[in-house]
Amino acid sequence: FEVTMPQMGADMTEGTLLHWLKNVGDVI
């Protein structure tokens, strides 16, 4: 499944990914 940048308001066009709290291989 794809995890995408969510839209929080219709005029939001982009967001900055600050920190990953999970690592590759972690069970979610």
mmCIF file of all heavy atoms, coordinates in Angstrom:
data_MODEL
# 
_entry.id   MODEL 
# 
loop_
_atom_site.group_PDB 
_atom_site.id 
_atom_site.type_symbol 
_atom_site.label_atom_id 
_atom_site.label_alt_id 
_atom_site.label_comp_id 
_atom_site.label_asym_id 
_atom_site.label_entity_id 
_atom_site.label_seq_id 
_atom_site.pdbx_PDB_ins_code 
_atom_site.Cartn_x 
_atom_site.Cartn_y 
_atom_site.Cartn_z 
_atom_site.occupancy 
_atom_site.B_iso_or_equiv 
_atom_site.pdbx_formal_charge 
_atom_site.auth_seq_id 
_atom_site.auth_comp_id 
_atom_site.auth_asym_id 
_atom_site.auth_atom_id 
_atom_site.pdbx_PDB_model_num 
ATOM 1   N N   . PHE A 1 1  ? 0.833  -1.190 0.000  1.00 0.00 ? 1  PHE A N   1 
ATOM 2   C CA  . PHE A 1 1  ? 0.000  0.000  0.000  1.00 0.00 ? 1  PHE A CA  1 
ATOM 3   C C   . PHE A 1 1  ? 0.871  1.244  0.000  1.00 0.00 ? 1  PHE A C   1 
ATOM 4   O O   . PHE A 1 1  ? 1.904  1.295  0.665  1.00 0.00 ? 1  PHE A O   1 
ATOM 5   C CB  . PHE A 1 1  ? -0.913 0.028  1.233  1.00 0.00 ? 1  PHE A CB  1 
ATOM 6   C CG  . PHE A 1 1  ? -1.976 -1.033 1.220  1.00 0.00 ? 1  PHE A CG  1 
ATOM 7   C CD1 . PHE A 1 1  ? -1.760 -2.239 1.867  1.00 0.00 ? 1  PHE A CD1 1 
ATOM 8   C CD2 . PHE A 1 1  ? -3.174 -0.829 0.558  1.00 0.00 ? 1  PHE A CD2 1 
ATOM 9   C CE1 . PHE A 1 1  ? -2.723 -3.224 1.855  1.00 0.00 ? 1  PHE A CE1 1 
ATOM 10  C CE2 . PHE A 1 1  ? -4.146 -1.811 0.548  1.00 0.00 ? 1  PHE A CE2 1 
ATOM 11  C CZ  . PHE A 1 1  ? -3.925 -3.012 1.192  1.00 0.00 ? 1  PHE A CZ  1 
ATOM 12  N N   . GLU A 1 2  ? 0.405  2.245  -0.753 1.00 0.00 ? 2  GLU A N   1 
ATOM 13  C CA  . GLU A 1 2  ? 1.100  3.527  -0.780 1.00 0.00 ? 2  GLU A CA  1 
ATOM 14  C C   . GLU A 1 2  ? 0.652  4.394  0.386  1.00 0.00 ? 2  GLU A C   1 
ATOM 15  O O   . GLU A 1 2  ? -0.540 4.511  0.664  1.00 0.00 ? 2  GLU A O   1 
ATOM 16  C CB  . GLU A 1 2  ? 0.807  4.268  -2.079 1.00 0.00 ? 2  GLU A CB  1 
ATOM 17  C CG  . GLU A 1 2  ? 1.339  3.569  -3.323 1.00 0.00 ? 2  GLU A CG  1 
ATOM 18  C CD  . GLU A 1 2  ? 0.984  4.333  -4.582 1.00 0.00 ? 2  GLU A CD  1 
ATOM 19  O OE1 . GLU A 1 2  ? 0.129  5.256  -4.496 1.00 0.00 ? 2  GLU A OE1 1 
ATOM 20  O OE2 . GLU A 1 2  ? 1.557  4.033  -5.640 1.00 0.00 ? 2  GLU A OE2 1 
ATOM 21  N N   . VAL A 1 3  ? 1.599  5.008  1.067  1.00 0.00 ? 3  VAL A N   1 
ATOM 22  C CA  . VAL A 1 3  ? 1.313  6.044  2.058  1.00 0.00 ? 3  VAL A CA  1 
ATOM 23  C C   . VAL A 1 3  ? 1.643  7.372  1.391  1.00 0.00 ? 3  VAL A C   1 
ATOM 24  O O   . VAL A 1 3  ? 2.774  7.581  0.945  1.00 0.00 ? 3  VAL A O   1 
ATOM 25  C CB  . VAL A 1 3  ? 2.150  5.863  3.329  1.00 0.00 ? 3  VAL A CB  1 
ATOM 26  C CG1 . VAL A 1 3  ? 1.839  6.963  4.333  1.00 0.00 ? 3  VAL A CG1 1 
ATOM 27  C CG2 . VAL A 1 3  ? 1.900  4.492  3.949  1.00 0.00 ? 3  VAL A CG2 1 
ATOM 28  N N   . THR A 1 4  ? 0.668  8.251  1.289  1.00 0.00 ? 4  THR A N   1 
ATOM 29  C CA  . THR A 1 4  ? 0.852  9.498  0.555  1.00 0.00 ? 4  THR A CA  1 
ATOM 30  C C   . THR A 1 4  ? 0.816  10.705 1.486  1.00 0.00 ? 4  THR A C   1 
ATOM 31  O O   . THR A 1 4  ? 0.326  10.619 2.618  1.00 0.00 ? 4  THR A O   1 
ATOM 32  C CB  . THR A 1 4  ? -0.231 9.662  -0.519 1.00 0.00 ? 4  THR A CB  1 
ATOM 33  O OG1 . THR A 1 4  ? -1.517 9.681  0.114  1.00 0.00 ? 4  THR A OG1 1 
ATOM 34  C CG2 . THR A 1 4  ? -0.177 8.517  -1.523 1.00 0.00 ? 4  THR A CG2 1 
ATOM 35  N N   . MET A 1 5  ? 1.333  11.828 0.986  1.00 0.00 ? 5  MET A N   1 
ATOM 36  C CA  . MET A 1 5  ? 1.254  13.077 1.735  1.00 0.00 ? 5  MET A CA  1 
ATOM 37  C C   . MET A 1 5  ? -0.211 13.500 1.811  1.00 0.00 ? 5  MET A C   1 
ATOM 38  O O   . MET A 1 5  ? -0.853 13.721 0.789  1.00 0.00 ? 5  MET A O   1 
ATOM 39  C CB  . MET A 1 5  ? 2.082  14.160 1.036  1.00 0.00 ? 5  MET A CB  1 
ATOM 40  C CG  . MET A 1 5  ? 1.979  15.538 1.678  1.00 0.00 ? 5  MET A CG  1 
ATOM 41  S SD  . MET A 1 5  ? 2.596  15.610 3.394  1.00 0.00 ? 5  MET A SD  1 
ATOM 42  C CE  . MET A 1 5  ? 4.364  15.377 3.133  1.00 0.00 ? 5  MET A CE  1 
ATOM 43  N N   . PRO A 1 6  ? -0.778 13.601 3.025  1.00 0.00 ? 6  PRO A N   1 
ATOM 44  C CA  . PRO A 1 6  ? -2.202 13.943 3.137  1.00 0.00 ? 6  PRO A CA  1 
ATOM 45  C C   . PRO A 1 6  ? -2.439 15.414 2.852  1.00 0.00 ? 6  PRO A C   1 
ATOM 46  O O   . PRO A 1 6  ? -1.537 16.243 2.964  1.00 0.00 ? 6  PRO A O   1 
ATOM 47  C CB  . PRO A 1 6  ? -2.512 13.616 4.602  1.00 0.00 ? 6  PRO A CB  1 
ATOM 48  C CG  . PRO A 1 6  ? -1.211 13.833 5.309  1.00 0.00 ? 6  PRO A CG  1 
ATOM 49  C CD  . PRO A 1 6  ? -0.143 13.398 4.342  1.00 0.00 ? 6  PRO A CD  1 
ATOM 50  N N   . GLN A 1 7  ? -3.664 15.724 2.484  1.00 0.00 ? 7  GLN A N   1 
ATOM 51  C CA  . GLN A 1 7  ? -4.043 17.113 2.267  1.00 0.00 ? 7  GLN A CA  1 
ATOM 52  C C   . GLN A 1 7  ? -4.841 17.606 3.454  1.00 0.00 ? 7  GLN A C   1 
ATOM 53  O O   . GLN A 1 7  ? -5.924 17.117 3.734  1.00 0.00 ? 7  GLN A O   1 
ATOM 54  C CB  . GLN A 1 7  ? -4.868 17.269 0.989  1.00 0.00 ? 7  GLN A CB  1 
ATOM 55  C CG  . GLN A 1 7  ? -5.198 18.722 0.680  1.00 0.00 ? 7  GLN A CG  1 
ATOM 56  C CD  . GLN A 1 7  ? -5.841 18.900 -0.656 1.00 0.00 ? 7  GLN A CD  1 
ATOM 57  O OE1 . GLN A 1 7  ? -6.697 18.106 -1.033 1.00 0.00 ? 7  GLN A OE1 1 
ATOM 58  N NE2 . GLN A 1 7  ? -5.456 19.922 -1.395 1.00 0.00 ? 7  GLN A NE2 1 
ATOM 59  N N   . MET A 1 8  ? -4.314 18.569 4.163  1.00 0.00 ? 8  MET A N   1 
ATOM 60  C CA  . MET A 1 8  ? -4.975 19.137 5.337  1.00 0.00 ? 8  MET A CA  1 
ATOM 61  C C   . MET A 1 8  ? -5.456 20.532 4.988  1.00 0.00 ? 8  MET A C   1 
ATOM 62  O O   . MET A 1 8  ? -4.893 21.535 5.397  1.00 0.00 ? 8  MET A O   1 
ATOM 63  C CB  . MET A 1 8  ? -4.011 19.135 6.525  1.00 0.00 ? 8  MET A CB  1 
ATOM 64  C CG  . MET A 1 8  ? -3.659 17.740 6.989  1.00 0.00 ? 8  MET A CG  1 
ATOM 65  S SD  . MET A 1 8  ? -2.231 17.670 8.080  1.00 0.00 ? 8  MET A SD  1 
ATOM 66  C CE  . MET A 1 8  ? -0.894 17.805 6.900  1.00 0.00 ? 8  MET A CE  1 
ATOM 67  N N   . GLY A 1 9  ? -6.489 20.589 4.153  1.00 0.00 ? 9  GLY A N   1 
ATOM 68  C CA  . GLY A 1 9  ? -6.985 21.847 3.631  1.00 0.00 ? 9  GLY A CA  1 
ATOM 69  C C   . GLY A 1 9  ? -6.784 21.887 2.126  1.00 0.00 ? 9  GLY A C   1 
ATOM 70  O O   . GLY A 1 9  ? -5.746 21.470 1.618  1.00 0.00 ? 9  GLY A O   1 
ATOM 71  N N   . ALA A 1 10 ? -7.784 22.385 1.409  1.00 0.00 ? 10 ALA A N   1 
ATOM 72  C CA  . ALA A 1 10 ? -7.743 22.334 -0.048 1.00 0.00 ? 10 ALA A CA  1 
ATOM 73  C C   . ALA A 1 10 ? -6.641 23.191 -0.630 1.00 0.00 ? 10 ALA A C   1 
ATOM 74  O O   . ALA A 1 10 ? -6.201 22.965 -1.741 1.00 0.00 ? 10 ALA A O   1 
ATOM 75  C CB  . ALA A 1 10 ? -9.087 22.758 -0.626 1.00 0.00 ? 10 ALA A CB  1 
ATOM 76  N N   . ASP A 1 11 ? -6.178 24.219 0.090  1.00 0.00 ? 11 ASP A N   1 
ATOM 77  C CA  . ASP A 1 11 ? -5.109 25.046 -0.459 1.00 0.00 ? 11 ASP A CA  1 
ATOM 78  C C   . ASP A 1 11 ? -3.740 24.561 -0.021 1.00 0.00 ? 11 ASP A C   1 
ATOM 79  O O   . ASP A 1 11 ? -2.732 25.189 -0.311 1.00 0.00 ? 11 ASP A O   1 
ATOM 80  C CB  . ASP A 1 11 ? -5.310 26.515 -0.089 1.00 0.00 ? 11 ASP A CB  1 
ATOM 81  C CG  . ASP A 1 11 ? -5.299 26.743 1.409  1.00 0.00 ? 11 ASP A CG  1 
ATOM 82  O OD1 . ASP A 1 11 ? -5.404 25.758 2.163  1.00 0.00 ? 11 ASP A OD1 1 
ATOM 83  O OD2 . ASP A 1 11 ? -5.191 27.908 1.830  1.00 0.00 ? 11 ASP A OD2 1 
ATOM 84  N N   . MET A 1 12 ? -3.681 23.445 0.666  1.00 0.00 ? 12 MET A N   1 
ATOM 85  C CA  . MET A 1 12 ? -2.388 22.825 0.971  1.00 0.00 ? 12 MET A CA  1 
ATOM 86  C C   . MET A 1 12 ? -1.938 22.032 -0.249 1.00 0.00 ? 12 MET A C   1 
ATOM 87  O O   . MET A 1 12 ? -2.644 21.154 -0.722 1.00 0.00 ? 12 MET A O   1 
ATOM 88  C CB  . MET A 1 12 ? -2.502 21.904 2.181  1.00 0.00 ? 12 MET A CB  1 
ATOM 89  C CG  . MET A 1 12 ? -1.211 21.147 2.471  1.00 0.00 ? 12 MET A CG  1 
ATOM 90  S SD  . MET A 1 12 ? -1.384 20.006 3.872  1.00 0.00 ? 12 MET A SD  1 
ATOM 91  C CE  . MET A 1 12 ? 0.146  19.081 3.723  1.00 0.00 ? 12 MET A CE  1 
ATOM 92  N N   . THR A 1 13 ? -0.772 22.350 -0.771 1.00 0.00 ? 13 THR A N   1 
ATOM 93  C CA  . THR A 1 13 ? -0.266 21.666 -1.953 1.00 0.00 ? 13 THR A CA  1 
ATOM 94  C C   . THR A 1 13 ? 0.952  20.817 -1.665 1.00 0.00 ? 13 THR A C   1 
ATOM 95  O O   . THR A 1 13 ? 1.346  19.998 -2.489 1.00 0.00 ? 13 THR A O   1 
ATOM 96  C CB  . THR A 1 13 ? 0.093  22.673 -3.054 1.00 0.00 ? 13 THR A CB  1 
ATOM 97  O OG1 . THR A 1 13 ? 1.083  23.590 -2.547 1.00 0.00 ? 13 THR A OG1 1 
ATOM 98  C CG2 . THR A 1 13 ? -1.142 23.454 -3.496 1.00 0.00 ? 13 THR A CG2 1 
ATOM 99  N N   . GLU A 1 14 ? 1.578  21.006 -0.492 1.00 0.00 ? 14 GLU A N   1 
ATOM 100 C CA  . GLU A 1 14 ? 2.756  20.228 -0.160 1.00 0.00 ? 14 GLU A CA  1 
ATOM 101 C C   . GLU A 1 14 ? 2.994  20.275 1.342  1.00 0.00 ? 14 GLU A C   1 
ATOM 102 O O   . GLU A 1 14 ? 2.444  21.119 2.049  1.00 0.00 ? 14 GLU A O   1 
ATOM 103 C CB  . GLU A 1 14 ? 3.991  20.772 -0.898 1.00 0.00 ? 14 GLU A CB  1 
ATOM 104 C CG  . GLU A 1 14 ? 4.326  22.204 -0.528 1.00 0.00 ? 14 GLU A CG  1 
ATOM 105 C CD  . GLU A 1 14 ? 5.445  22.796 -1.350 1.00 0.00 ? 14 GLU A CD  1 
ATOM 106 O OE1 . GLU A 1 14 ? 5.829  22.165 -2.351 1.00 0.00 ? 14 GLU A OE1 1 
ATOM 107 O OE2 . GLU A 1 14 ? 5.927  23.881 -0.996 1.00 0.00 ? 14 GLU A OE2 1 
ATOM 108 N N   . GLY A 1 15 ? 3.794  19.367 1.836  1.00 0.00 ? 15 GLY A N   1 
ATOM 109 C CA  . GLY A 1 15 ? 4.176  19.346 3.237  1.00 0.00 ? 15 GLY A CA  1 
ATOM 110 C C   . GLY A 1 15 ? 5.619  18.892 3.361  1.00 0.00 ? 15 GLY A C   1 
ATOM 111 O O   . GLY A 1 15 ? 6.170  18.265 2.450  1.00 0.00 ? 15 GLY A O   1 
ATOM 112 N N   . THR A 1 16 ? 6.222  19.194 4.492  1.00 0.00 ? 16 THR A N   1 
ATOM 113 C CA  . THR A 1 16 ? 7.606  18.798 4.736  1.00 0.00 ? 16 THR A CA  1 
ATOM 114 C C   . THR A 1 16 ? 7.628  17.589 5.664  1.00 0.00 ? 16 THR A C   1 
ATOM 115 O O   . THR A 1 16 ? 7.009  17.612 6.732  1.00 0.00 ? 16 THR A O   1 
ATOM 116 C CB  . THR A 1 16 ? 8.408  19.936 5.379  1.00 0.00 ? 16 THR A CB  1 
ATOM 117 O OG1 . THR A 1 16 ? 8.368  21.077 4.522  1.00 0.00 ? 16 THR A OG1 1 
ATOM 118 C CG2 . THR A 1 16 ? 9.854  19.523 5.602  1.00 0.00 ? 16 THR A CG2 1 
ATOM 119 N N   . LEU A 1 17 ? 8.311  16.537 5.259  1.00 0.00 ? 17 LEU A N   1 
ATOM 120 C CA  . LEU A 1 17 ? 8.456  15.364 6.115  1.00 0.00 ? 17 LEU A CA  1 
ATOM 121 C C   . LEU A 1 17 ? 9.589  15.661 7.096  1.00 0.00 ? 17 LEU A C   1 
ATOM 122 O O   . LEU A 1 17 ? 10.754 15.704 6.716  1.00 0.00 ? 17 LEU A O   1 
ATOM 123 C CB  . LEU A 1 17 ? 8.768  14.118 5.281  1.00 0.00 ? 17 LEU A CB  1 
ATOM 124 C CG  . LEU A 1 17 ? 8.514  12.797 5.988  1.00 0.00 ? 17 LEU A CG  1 
ATOM 125 C CD1 . LEU A 1 17 ? 8.184  11.697 5.003  1.00 0.00 ? 17 LEU A CD1 1 
ATOM 126 C CD2 . LEU A 1 17 ? 9.721  12.377 6.833  1.00 0.00 ? 17 LEU A CD2 1 
ATOM 127 N N   . LEU A 1 18 ? 9.231  15.907 8.342  1.00 0.00 ? 18 LEU A N   1 
ATOM 128 C CA  . LEU A 1 18 ? 10.232 16.299 9.335  1.00 0.00 ? 18 LEU A CA  1 
ATOM 129 C C   . LEU A 1 18 ? 11.042 15.121 9.855  1.00 0.00 ? 18 LEU A C   1 
ATOM 130 O O   . LEU A 1 18 ? 12.273 15.126 9.812  1.00 0.00 ? 18 LEU A O   1 
ATOM 131 C CB  . LEU A 1 18 ? 9.555  17.007 10.521 1.00 0.00 ? 18 LEU A CB  1 
ATOM 132 C CG  . LEU A 1 18 ? 9.060  18.428 10.305 1.00 0.00 ? 18 LEU A CG  1 
ATOM 133 C CD1 . LEU A 1 18 ? 8.513  18.969 11.617 1.00 0.00 ? 18 LEU A CD1 1 
ATOM 134 C CD2 . LEU A 1 18 ? 10.185 19.325 9.799  1.00 0.00 ? 18 LEU A CD2 1 
ATOM 135 N N   . HIS A 1 19 ? 10.325 14.107 10.381 1.00 0.00 ? 19 HIS A N   1 
ATOM 136 C CA  . HIS A 1 19 ? 11.010 12.983 11.015 1.00 0.00 ? 19 HIS A CA  1 
ATOM 137 C C   . HIS A 1 19 ? 10.262 11.685 10.723 1.00 0.00 ? 19 HIS A C   1 
ATOM 138 O O   . HIS A 1 19 ? 9.028  11.641 10.765 1.00 0.00 ? 19 HIS A O   1 
ATOM 139 C CB  . HIS A 1 19 ? 11.083 13.167 12.541 1.00 0.00 ? 19 HIS A CB  1 
ATOM 140 C CG  . HIS A 1 19 ? 11.734 14.432 12.975 1.00 0.00 ? 19 HIS A CG  1 
ATOM 141 N ND1 . HIS A 1 19 ? 13.068 14.691 12.789 1.00 0.00 ? 19 HIS A ND1 1 
ATOM 142 C CD2 . HIS A 1 19 ? 11.221 15.527 13.585 1.00 0.00 ? 19 HIS A CD2 1 
ATOM 143 C CE1 . HIS A 1 19 ? 13.350 15.889 13.264 1.00 0.00 ? 19 HIS A CE1 1 
ATOM 144 N NE2 . HIS A 1 19 ? 12.241 16.418 13.753 1.00 0.00 ? 19 HIS A NE2 1 
ATOM 145 N N   . TRP A 1 20 ? 11.016 10.637 10.455 1.00 0.00 ? 20 TRP A N   1 
ATOM 146 C CA  . TRP A 1 20 ? 10.450 9.293  10.415 1.00 0.00 ? 20 TRP A CA  1 
ATOM 147 C C   . TRP A 1 20 ? 10.453 8.734  11.829 1.00 0.00 ? 20 TRP A C   1 
ATOM 148 O O   . TRP A 1 20 ? 11.466 8.771  12.517 1.00 0.00 ? 20 TRP A O   1 
ATOM 149 C CB  . TRP A 1 20 ? 11.271 8.380  9.502  1.00 0.00 ? 20 TRP A CB  1 
ATOM 150 C CG  . TRP A 1 20 ? 10.974 8.543  8.048  1.00 0.00 ? 20 TRP A CG  1 
ATOM 151 C CD1 . TRP A 1 20 ? 11.776 9.079  7.098  1.00 0.00 ? 20 TRP A CD1 1 
ATOM 152 C CD2 . TRP A 1 20 ? 9.771  8.141  7.381  1.00 0.00 ? 20 TRP A CD2 1 
ATOM 153 N NE1 . TRP A 1 20 ? 11.152 9.068  5.873  1.00 0.00 ? 20 TRP A NE1 1 
ATOM 154 C CE2 . TRP A 1 20 ? 9.919  8.483  6.015  1.00 0.00 ? 20 TRP A CE2 1 
ATOM 155 C CE3 . TRP A 1 20 ? 8.596  7.536  7.796  1.00 0.00 ? 20 TRP A CE3 1 
ATOM 156 C CZ2 . TRP A 1 20 ? 8.935  8.244  5.074  1.00 0.00 ? 20 TRP A CZ2 1 
ATOM 157 C CZ3 . TRP A 1 20 ? 7.611  7.298  6.855  1.00 0.00 ? 20 TRP A CZ3 1 
ATOM 158 C CH2 . TRP A 1 20 ? 7.781  7.645  5.515  1.00 0.00 ? 20 TRP A CH2 1 
ATOM 159 N N   . LEU A 1 21 ? 9.308  8.227  12.280 1.00 0.00 ? 21 LEU A N   1 
ATOM 160 C CA  . LEU A 1 21 ? 9.200  7.617  13.601 1.00 0.00 ? 21 LEU A CA  1 
ATOM 161 C C   . LEU A 1 21 ? 9.219  6.097  13.519 1.00 0.00 ? 21 LEU A C   1 
ATOM 162 O O   . LEU A 1 21 ? 9.261  5.432  14.552 1.00 0.00 ? 21 LEU A O   1 
ATOM 163 C CB  . LEU A 1 21 ? 7.906  8.086  14.287 1.00 0.00 ? 21 LEU A CB  1 
ATOM 164 C CG  . LEU A 1 21 ? 7.779  9.616  14.442 1.00 0.00 ? 21 LEU A CG  1 
ATOM 165 C CD1 . LEU A 1 21 ? 6.464  9.965  15.114 1.00 0.00 ? 21 LEU A CD1 1 
ATOM 166 C CD2 . LEU A 1 21 ? 8.954  10.170 15.244 1.00 0.00 ? 21 LEU A CD2 1 
ATOM 167 N N   . LYS A 1 22 ? 9.170  5.566  12.294 1.00 0.00 ? 22 LYS A N   1 
ATOM 168 C CA  . LYS A 1 22 ? 9.292  4.126  12.063 1.00 0.00 ? 22 LYS A CA  1 
ATOM 169 C C   . LYS A 1 22 ? 10.385 3.903  11.029 1.00 0.00 ? 22 LYS A C   1 
ATOM 170 O O   . LYS A 1 22 ? 10.624 4.740  10.162 1.00 0.00 ? 22 LYS A O   1 
ATOM 171 C CB  . LYS A 1 22 ? 7.970  3.532  11.563 1.00 0.00 ? 22 LYS A CB  1 
ATOM 172 C CG  . LYS A 1 22 ? 6.799  3.684  12.530 1.00 0.00 ? 22 LYS A CG  1 
ATOM 173 C CD  . LYS A 1 22 ? 6.984  2.843  13.780 1.00 0.00 ? 22 LYS A CD  1 
ATOM 174 C CE  . LYS A 1 22 ? 5.747  2.938  14.671 1.00 0.00 ? 22 LYS A CE  1 
ATOM 175 N NZ  . LYS A 1 22 ? 5.903  2.128  15.915 1.00 0.00 ? 22 LYS A NZ  1 
ATOM 176 N N   . ASN A 1 23 ? 11.040 2.748  11.137 1.00 0.00 ? 23 ASN A N   1 
ATOM 177 C CA  . ASN A 1 23 ? 12.129 2.417  10.225 1.00 0.00 ? 23 ASN A CA  1 
ATOM 178 C C   . ASN A 1 23 ? 11.712 1.312  9.271  1.00 0.00 ? 23 ASN A C   1 
ATOM 179 O O   . ASN A 1 23 ? 10.765 0.556  9.539  1.00 0.00 ? 23 ASN A O   1 
ATOM 180 C CB  . ASN A 1 23 ? 13.368 1.970  11.014 1.00 0.00 ? 23 ASN A CB  1 
ATOM 181 C CG  . ASN A 1 23 ? 13.892 3.057  11.921 1.00 0.00 ? 23 ASN A CG  1 
ATOM 182 O OD1 . ASN A 1 23 ? 14.017 4.207  11.512 1.00 0.00 ? 23 ASN A OD1 1 
ATOM 183 N ND2 . ASN A 1 23 ? 14.203 2.695  13.165 1.00 0.00 ? 23 ASN A ND2 1 
ATOM 184 N N   . VAL A 1 24 ? 12.408 1.204  8.152  1.00 0.00 ? 24 VAL A N   1 
ATOM 185 C CA  . VAL A 1 24 ? 12.156 0.126  7.205  1.00 0.00 ? 24 VAL A CA  1 
ATOM 186 C C   . VAL A 1 24 ? 12.325 -1.216 7.919  1.00 0.00 ? 24 VAL A C   1 
ATOM 187 O O   . VAL A 1 24 ? 13.299 -1.437 8.646  1.00 0.00 ? 24 VAL A O   1 
ATOM 188 C CB  . VAL A 1 24 ? 13.122 0.215  6.011  1.00 0.00 ? 24 VAL A CB  1 
ATOM 189 C CG1 . VAL A 1 24 ? 12.977 -1.004 5.108  1.00 0.00 ? 24 VAL A CG1 1 
ATOM 190 C CG2 . VAL A 1 24 ? 12.865 1.494  5.218  1.00 0.00 ? 24 VAL A CG2 1 
ATOM 191 N N   . GLY A 1 25 ? 11.349 -2.088 7.758  1.00 0.00 ? 25 GLY A N   1 
ATOM 192 C CA  . GLY A 1 25 ? 11.364 -3.385 8.432  1.00 0.00 ? 25 GLY A CA  1 
ATOM 193 C C   . GLY A 1 25 ? 10.485 -3.433 9.660  1.00 0.00 ? 25 GLY A C   1 
ATOM 194 O O   . GLY A 1 25 ? 10.157 -4.523 10.152 1.00 0.00 ? 25 GLY A O   1 
ATOM 195 N N   . ASP A 1 26 ? 10.057 -2.249 10.185 1.00 0.00 ? 26 ASP A N   1 
ATOM 196 C CA  . ASP A 1 26 ? 9.178  -2.226 11.356 1.00 0.00 ? 26 ASP A CA  1 
ATOM 197 C C   . ASP A 1 26 ? 7.785  -2.716 10.983 1.00 0.00 ? 26 ASP A C   1 
ATOM 198 O O   . ASP A 1 26 ? 7.265  -2.399 9.902  1.00 0.00 ? 26 ASP A O   1 
ATOM 199 C CB  . ASP A 1 26 ? 9.076  -0.818 11.931 1.00 0.00 ? 26 ASP A CB  1 
ATOM 200 C CG  . ASP A 1 26 ? 10.342 -0.371 12.637 1.00 0.00 ? 26 ASP A CG  1 
ATOM 201 O OD1 . ASP A 1 26 ? 11.241 -1.217 12.806 1.00 0.00 ? 26 ASP A OD1 1 
ATOM 202 O OD2 . ASP A 1 26 ? 10.431 0.819  13.001 1.00 0.00 ? 26 ASP A OD2 1 
ATOM 203 N N   . VAL A 1 27 ? 7.170  -3.478 11.881 1.00 0.00 ? 27 VAL A N   1 
ATOM 204 C CA  . VAL A 1 27 ? 5.796  -3.934 11.692 1.00 0.00 ? 27 VAL A CA  1 
ATOM 205 C C   . VAL A 1 27 ? 4.856  -2.823 12.146 1.00 0.00 ? 27 VAL A C   1 
ATOM 206 O O   . VAL A 1 27 ? 4.970  -2.320 13.271 1.00 0.00 ? 27 VAL A O   1 
ATOM 207 C CB  . VAL A 1 27 ? 5.525  -5.229 12.478 1.00 0.00 ? 27 VAL A CB  1 
ATOM 208 C CG1 . VAL A 1 27 ? 4.060  -5.651 12.327 1.00 0.00 ? 27 VAL A CG1 1 
ATOM 209 C CG2 . VAL A 1 27 ? 6.443  -6.342 11.992 1.00 0.00 ? 27 VAL A CG2 1 
ATOM 210 N N   . ILE A 1 28 ? 3.933  -2.432 11.279 1.00 0.00 ? 28 ILE A N   1 
ATOM 211 C CA  . ILE A 1 28 ? 3.054  -1.292 11.535 1.00 0.00 ? 28 ILE A CA  1 
ATOM 212 C C   . ILE A 1 28 ? 1.628  -1.779 11.739 1.00 0.00 ? 28 ILE A C   1 
ATOM 213 O O   . ILE A 1 28 ? 1.123  -2.600 10.972 1.00 0.00 ? 28 ILE A O   1 
ATOM 214 C CB  . ILE A 1 28 ? 3.088  -0.300 10.346 1.00 0.00 ? 28 ILE A CB  1 
ATOM 215 C CG1 . ILE A 1 28 ? 4.529  0.054  9.976  1.00 0.00 ? 28 ILE A CG1 1 
ATOM 216 C CG2 . ILE A 1 28 ? 2.266  0.935  10.647 1.00 0.00 ? 28 ILE A CG2 1 
ATOM 217 C CD1 . ILE A 1 28 ? 5.303  0.737  11.069 1.00 0.00 ? 28 ILE A CD1 1 
# 
